[in-house]
Amino acid sequence: MAKLYTEKFSNSNTFKPKTETINFLLNYSKALKVSVYKGLKFESVMN
């Protein structure tokens, strides 16, 4: 039987990402372009 992970951990909200990580993710999301053509999705990074 599959193990269910329903317990709440007390330290789950203590993640403090670095500023560089946040900037990287924001810049990546700004450069990501999703195009739809005939029902197909194409993802491209515009760098």
N, C-alpha and C. Protein backbone atom coordinates (compact mmCIF):
# COMPACT_ATOMS: atom_id res chain seq x y z
N MET A 1 0.85 -1.18 0.00
CA MET A 1 0.00 0.00 0.00
C MET A 1 0.89 1.25 0.00
N ALA A 2 0.49 2.25 -0.71
CA ALA A 2 1.29 3.46 -0.81
C ALA A 2 1.28 4.23 0.50
N LYS A 3 2.43 4.81 0.81
CA LYS A 3 2.54 5.61 2.03
C LYS A 3 2.00 7.01 1.74
N LEU A 4 1.12 7.47 2.58
CA LEU A 4 0.55 8.80 2.42
C LEU A 4 1.36 9.80 3.25
N TYR A 5 1.72 10.88 2.66
CA TYR A 5 2.50 11.91 3.35
C TYR A 5 1.56 13.04 3.74
N THR A 6 0.79 12.81 4.78
CA THR A 6 -0.18 13.80 5.20
C THR A 6 0.23 14.52 6.47
N GLU A 7 1.35 14.13 7.06
CA GLU A 7 1.79 14.80 8.29
C GLU A 7 2.28 16.19 7.96
N LYS A 8 1.98 17.12 8.83
CA LYS A 8 2.47 18.48 8.66
C LYS A 8 3.79 18.62 9.44
N PHE A 9 4.79 19.13 8.76
CA PHE A 9 6.08 19.32 9.41
C PHE A 9 6.19 20.75 9.89
N SER A 10 6.75 20.94 11.05
CA SER A 10 6.82 22.27 11.65
C SER A 10 7.81 23.18 10.93
N ASN A 11 8.82 22.61 10.26
CA ASN A 11 9.84 23.44 9.61
C ASN A 11 9.60 23.59 8.11
N SER A 12 8.41 23.29 7.62
CA SER A 12 8.16 23.34 6.18
C SER A 12 8.09 24.78 5.64
N ASN A 13 7.86 25.77 6.47
CA ASN A 13 7.76 27.15 6.02
C ASN A 13 9.03 27.95 6.29
N THR A 14 10.13 27.28 6.52
CA THR A 14 11.36 27.99 6.86
C THR A 14 12.31 28.11 5.68
N PHE A 15 11.83 27.91 4.46
CA PHE A 15 12.69 28.04 3.30
C PHE A 15 12.99 29.51 3.04
N LYS A 16 14.25 29.82 2.92
CA LYS A 16 14.70 31.18 2.63
C LYS A 16 15.59 31.13 1.39
N PRO A 17 15.01 31.26 0.20
CA PRO A 17 15.83 31.20 -1.01
C PRO A 17 16.74 32.42 -1.12
N LYS A 18 17.86 32.21 -1.77
CA LYS A 18 18.80 33.31 -1.98
C LYS A 18 18.22 34.29 -2.99
N THR A 19 18.66 35.51 -2.92
CA THR A 19 18.23 36.54 -3.86
C THR A 19 18.59 36.16 -5.28
N GLU A 20 19.77 35.52 -5.47
CA GLU A 20 20.19 35.10 -6.81
C GLU A 20 19.22 34.08 -7.39
N THR A 21 18.72 33.19 -6.55
CA THR A 21 17.78 32.17 -7.02
C THR A 21 16.47 32.81 -7.47
N ILE A 22 15.98 33.75 -6.70
CA ILE A 22 14.74 34.44 -7.06
C ILE A 22 14.92 35.22 -8.35
N ASN A 23 16.04 35.93 -8.48
CA ASN A 23 16.30 36.69 -9.71
C ASN A 23 16.41 35.78 -10.93
N PHE A 24 17.06 34.62 -10.75
CA PHE A 24 17.18 33.67 -11.86
C PHE A 24 15.81 33.20 -12.31
N LEU A 25 14.95 32.84 -11.38
CA LEU A 25 13.61 32.35 -11.74
C LEU A 25 12.76 33.45 -12.38
N LEU A 26 12.86 34.65 -11.88
CA LEU A 26 12.10 35.76 -12.47
C LEU A 26 12.58 36.06 -13.89
N ASN A 27 13.89 36.08 -14.09
CA ASN A 27 14.42 36.35 -15.42
C ASN A 27 14.08 35.24 -16.39
N TYR A 28 14.09 33.99 -15.92
CA TYR A 28 13.73 32.87 -16.78
C TYR A 28 12.26 32.97 -17.19
N SER A 29 11.41 33.31 -16.23
CA SER A 29 9.99 33.39 -16.56
C SER A 29 9.70 34.55 -17.51
N LYS A 30 10.49 35.61 -17.44
CA LYS A 30 10.31 36.73 -18.37
C LYS A 30 10.75 36.33 -19.78
N ALA A 31 11.76 35.46 -19.89
CA ALA A 31 12.30 35.07 -21.18
C ALA A 31 11.54 33.90 -21.81
N LEU A 32 10.68 33.24 -21.05
CA LEU A 32 9.95 32.08 -21.55
C LEU A 32 8.77 32.53 -22.40
N LYS A 33 8.68 31.99 -23.59
CA LYS A 33 7.57 32.31 -24.49
C LYS A 33 6.89 31.00 -24.88
N VAL A 34 5.59 30.94 -24.68
CA VAL A 34 4.80 29.77 -25.03
C VAL A 34 3.94 30.13 -26.23
N SER A 35 4.11 29.39 -27.31
CA SER A 35 3.34 29.61 -28.53
C SER A 35 2.42 28.42 -28.76
N VAL A 36 1.23 28.69 -29.22
CA VAL A 36 0.27 27.64 -29.54
C VAL A 36 0.03 27.66 -31.04
N TYR A 37 0.22 26.51 -31.68
CA TYR A 37 0.03 26.38 -33.12
C TYR A 37 -0.73 25.09 -33.39
N LYS A 38 -1.92 25.23 -33.91
CA LYS A 38 -2.78 24.09 -34.23
C LYS A 38 -2.94 23.15 -33.04
N GLY A 39 -3.15 23.71 -31.87
CA GLY A 39 -3.39 22.91 -30.67
C GLY A 39 -2.14 22.38 -30.01
N LEU A 40 -0.97 22.65 -30.56
CA LEU A 40 0.29 22.22 -29.95
C LEU A 40 0.94 23.39 -29.25
N LYS A 41 1.54 23.14 -28.09
CA LYS A 41 2.23 24.18 -27.34
C LYS A 41 3.74 24.05 -27.55
N PHE A 42 4.35 25.16 -27.86
CA PHE A 42 5.79 25.22 -28.04
C PHE A 42 6.36 26.20 -27.03
N GLU A 43 7.35 25.75 -26.27
CA GLU A 43 8.01 26.61 -25.29
C GLU A 43 9.40 26.96 -25.82
N SER A 44 9.73 28.23 -25.76
CA SER A 44 11.06 28.66 -26.18
C SER A 44 11.56 29.73 -25.21
N VAL A 45 12.86 29.68 -24.96
CA VAL A 45 13.51 30.67 -24.10
C VAL A 45 14.12 31.72 -25.00
N MET A 46 13.69 32.94 -24.84
CA MET A 46 14.11 34.04 -25.71
C MET A 46 15.31 34.77 -25.10
N ASN A 47 16.47 34.15 -25.18
CA ASN A 47 17.70 34.80 -24.68
C ASN A 47 18.60 35.12 -25.82
